[in-house]
Amino acid sequence: MTAFLLSVHVLAAIVAIGPVSVAASMFPPAARRALAAPDDSRAVGTVRLLLRICRVYAVVGVVVPVFGLATAKNMGVLGDTWLIVSMALTALAALLLVAFVLPRQTAIAESLEQRSTEDGGGGPGDVAVAAAPAVTREATVRLAMLTGVFNLLWAVVTVLMIVRPGSTTGV
């Protein structure tokens, strides 16, 4: 049973966390490209697609800690320090994703969509539209940093899961 649980846990991590990490990392540069080409509907579509990937796989990613806990319980390692640290870092990564990365991605995507639907008729609204790119560019830089921290947390968790300090696996 442990082998099955561990297999599902690892596969879920690869299938769910991998796409979130990649799509979240691709989002800021894609948003900057969409900013640079406001008339390019494909660029805005790419941003929307990356946001959707992040949202869907973030929900699917809930399976990872569920099967991880079941595996740890089966292996009798729930109280091990490496696992507790891994769980804390996983919770921190999830919090970062849900509280900061996804909301900022959503705000940027909505801003780009509004910008792409503006008619640019030369009215007073043009000042606000012209000011939006600077704010959005800055937001993409902050988002890229948050995404980097998110990915770094997952990298540390992955290393802890493989090395398992204090284990007797000989690694």
Protein backbone atom coordinates (compact mmCIF):
# COMPACT_ATOMS: atom_id res chain seq x y z
CA MET A 1 0.00 0.00 0.00
CA THR A 2 2.88 2.37 0.77
CA ALA A 3 4.29 1.94 -2.73
CA PHE A 4 0.90 2.80 -4.25
CA LEU A 5 0.45 5.89 -2.05
CA LEU A 6 3.99 7.06 -2.72
CA SER A 7 3.55 6.52 -6.46
CA VAL A 8 0.34 8.57 -6.54
CA HIS A 9 1.98 11.27 -4.39
CA VAL A 10 5.00 11.58 -6.70
CA LEU A 11 2.94 11.40 -9.89
CA ALA A 12 0.52 14.02 -8.56
CA ALA A 13 3.45 16.28 -7.68
CA ILE A 14 4.87 15.95 -11.19
CA VAL A 15 1.53 16.31 -12.98
CA ALA A 16 0.07 19.09 -10.79
CA ILE A 17 2.92 21.13 -9.33
CA GLY A 18 5.09 21.00 -12.44
CA PRO A 19 2.56 22.78 -14.70
CA VAL A 20 1.83 25.41 -12.04
CA SER A 21 5.55 26.13 -11.67
CA VAL A 22 6.13 26.36 -15.40
CA ALA A 23 2.97 28.35 -16.23
CA ALA A 24 3.51 30.73 -13.30
CA SER A 25 7.09 31.31 -14.45
CA MET A 26 5.97 31.94 -18.03
CA PHE A 27 3.21 34.35 -16.99
CA PRO A 28 5.26 37.53 -16.21
CA PRO A 29 7.22 37.53 -19.51
CA ALA A 30 4.02 36.74 -21.43
CA ALA A 31 2.29 39.65 -19.68
CA ARG A 32 5.18 41.96 -20.58
CA ARG A 33 4.94 40.86 -24.22
CA ALA A 34 1.19 41.55 -24.17
CA LEU A 35 1.89 44.98 -22.67
CA ALA A 36 4.38 45.76 -25.44
CA ALA A 37 1.85 44.80 -28.13
CA PRO A 38 -1.55 46.03 -26.93
CA ASP A 39 -3.24 45.12 -30.23
CA ASP A 40 -1.99 41.52 -30.17
CA SER A 41 -4.96 39.43 -29.08
CA ARG A 42 -2.82 36.27 -29.18
CA ALA A 43 -0.51 37.70 -26.50
CA VAL A 44 -3.47 38.45 -24.24
CA GLY A 45 -4.85 34.98 -25.02
CA THR A 46 -1.55 33.45 -23.93
CA VAL A 47 -1.75 35.31 -20.62
CA ARG A 48 -5.31 34.09 -20.09
CA LEU A 49 -4.27 30.50 -20.91
CA LEU A 50 -1.35 30.59 -18.46
CA LEU A 51 -3.66 31.95 -15.75
CA ARG A 52 -6.15 29.15 -16.41
CA ILE A 53 -3.39 26.53 -16.22
CA CYS A 54 -2.22 27.93 -12.88
CA ARG A 55 -5.75 27.98 -11.45
CA VAL A 56 -6.72 24.48 -12.58
CA TYR A 57 -3.49 22.77 -11.58
CA ALA A 58 -3.42 24.61 -8.25
CA VAL A 59 -6.74 22.92 -7.43
CA VAL A 60 -5.49 19.55 -8.70
CA GLY A 61 -2.34 20.08 -6.60
CA VAL A 62 -4.35 19.55 -3.40
CA VAL A 63 -3.96 15.84 -4.12
CA VAL A 64 -0.19 16.10 -3.50
CA PRO A 65 -0.25 16.81 0.26
CA VAL A 66 -3.26 14.53 0.77
CA PHE A 67 -1.40 11.52 -0.62
CA GLY A 68 1.82 12.73 0.96
CA LEU A 69 0.25 12.65 4.41
CA ALA A 70 -1.27 9.23 3.74
CA THR A 71 2.14 7.95 2.61
CA ALA A 72 3.91 9.45 5.64
CA LYS A 73 1.35 7.90 7.99
CA ASN A 74 1.79 4.52 6.34
CA MET A 75 5.59 4.83 6.59
CA GLY A 76 5.40 5.98 10.23
CA VAL A 77 7.36 9.19 9.61
CA LEU A 78 4.74 11.81 10.47
CA GLY A 79 6.84 13.11 13.37
CA ASP A 80 10.14 13.30 11.48
CA THR A 81 11.66 16.77 11.30
CA TRP A 82 12.29 16.66 7.54
CA LEU A 83 8.63 15.89 6.95
CA ILE A 84 7.36 18.60 9.29
CA VAL A 85 9.63 21.15 7.58
CA SER A 86 8.43 19.89 4.18
CA MET A 87 4.80 20.24 5.23
CA ALA A 88 5.42 23.77 6.53
CA LEU A 89 7.17 24.77 3.29
CA THR A 90 4.37 23.18 1.25
CA ALA A 91 1.79 25.16 3.21
CA LEU A 92 3.83 28.33 2.70
CA ALA A 93 4.08 27.66 -1.05
CA ALA A 94 0.33 27.04 -1.26
CA LEU A 95 -0.38 30.23 0.69
CA LEU A 96 1.95 32.21 -1.56
CA LEU A 97 0.23 30.83 -4.65
CA VAL A 98 -3.33 31.40 -3.42
CA ALA A 99 -2.84 34.72 -1.63
CA PHE A 100 -0.34 36.47 -3.89
CA VAL A 101 0.51 34.80 -7.20
CA LEU A 102 -2.97 33.92 -8.49
CA PRO A 103 -4.61 37.21 -7.44
CA ARG A 104 -1.82 39.22 -9.08
CA GLN A 105 -2.01 37.11 -12.22
CA THR A 106 -5.77 37.71 -12.30
CA ALA A 107 -5.36 41.47 -11.86
CA ILE A 108 -2.73 41.65 -14.60
CA ALA A 109 -4.82 39.54 -16.98
CA GLU A 110 -7.90 41.68 -16.33
CA SER A 111 -5.86 44.84 -16.88
CA LEU A 112 -4.54 43.51 -20.18
CA GLU A 113 -8.02 42.48 -21.29
CA GLN A 114 -9.41 45.93 -20.46
CA ARG A 115 -6.53 47.53 -22.28
CA SER A 116 -7.05 45.39 -25.36
CA THR A 117 -10.76 46.29 -25.48
CA GLU A 118 -10.16 50.06 -25.17
CA ASP A 119 -11.01 51.89 -28.37
CA GLY A 120 -8.32 54.57 -27.93
CA GLY A 121 -10.69 57.32 -29.06
CA GLY A 122 -8.52 60.18 -27.82
CA GLY A 123 -10.69 61.07 -24.85
CA PRO A 124 -9.67 61.77 -21.26
CA GLY A 125 -9.59 58.02 -20.57
CA ASP A 126 -6.42 57.75 -22.64
CA VAL A 127 -4.34 59.17 -19.80
CA ALA A 128 -5.42 56.31 -17.52
CA VAL A 129 -4.80 53.75 -20.25
CA ALA A 130 -1.35 55.23 -20.93
CA ALA A 131 -0.51 55.09 -17.21
CA ALA A 132 -1.63 51.48 -16.86
CA PRO A 133 1.37 49.87 -18.64
CA ALA A 134 3.90 51.30 -16.17
CA VAL A 135 1.93 49.97 -13.21
CA THR A 136 1.42 46.62 -14.92
CA ARG A 137 5.10 46.31 -15.86
CA GLU A 138 6.07 46.88 -12.24
CA ALA A 139 3.44 44.35 -11.20
CA THR A 140 4.92 41.74 -13.54
CA VAL A 141 8.34 42.22 -11.95
CA ARG A 142 6.89 41.72 -8.45
CA LEU A 143 4.94 38.73 -9.69
CA ALA A 144 8.09 37.21 -11.19
CA MET A 145 9.83 37.55 -7.82
CA LEU A 146 6.93 35.93 -5.97
CA THR A 147 6.84 33.13 -8.53
CA GLY A 148 10.56 32.59 -8.04
CA VAL A 149 10.05 32.23 -4.29
CA PHE A 150 7.15 29.82 -4.93
CA ASN A 151 9.37 27.68 -7.18
CA LEU A 152 12.27 27.83 -4.72
CA LEU A 153 10.01 26.54 -1.94
CA TRP A 154 9.00 23.58 -4.11
CA ALA A 155 12.62 22.89 -4.97
CA VAL A 156 13.53 22.77 -1.26
CA VAL A 157 10.57 20.47 -0.54
CA THR A 158 11.64 18.19 -3.39
CA VAL A 159 15.20 17.98 -2.05
CA LEU A 160 13.92 17.26 1.47
CA MET A 161 11.70 14.51 0.10
CA ILE A 162 14.63 12.88 -1.69
CA VAL A 163 17.41 13.36 0.86
CA ARG A 164 15.26 12.97 4.01
CA PRO A 165 17.87 14.08 6.54
CA GLY A 166 18.43 11.49 9.24
CA SER A 167 16.88 8.66 7.23
CA THR A 168 18.45 5.27 7.03
CA THR A 169 18.01 4.91 3.27
CA GLY A 170 21.71 5.44 2.70
CA VAL A 171 21.24 8.59 0.61
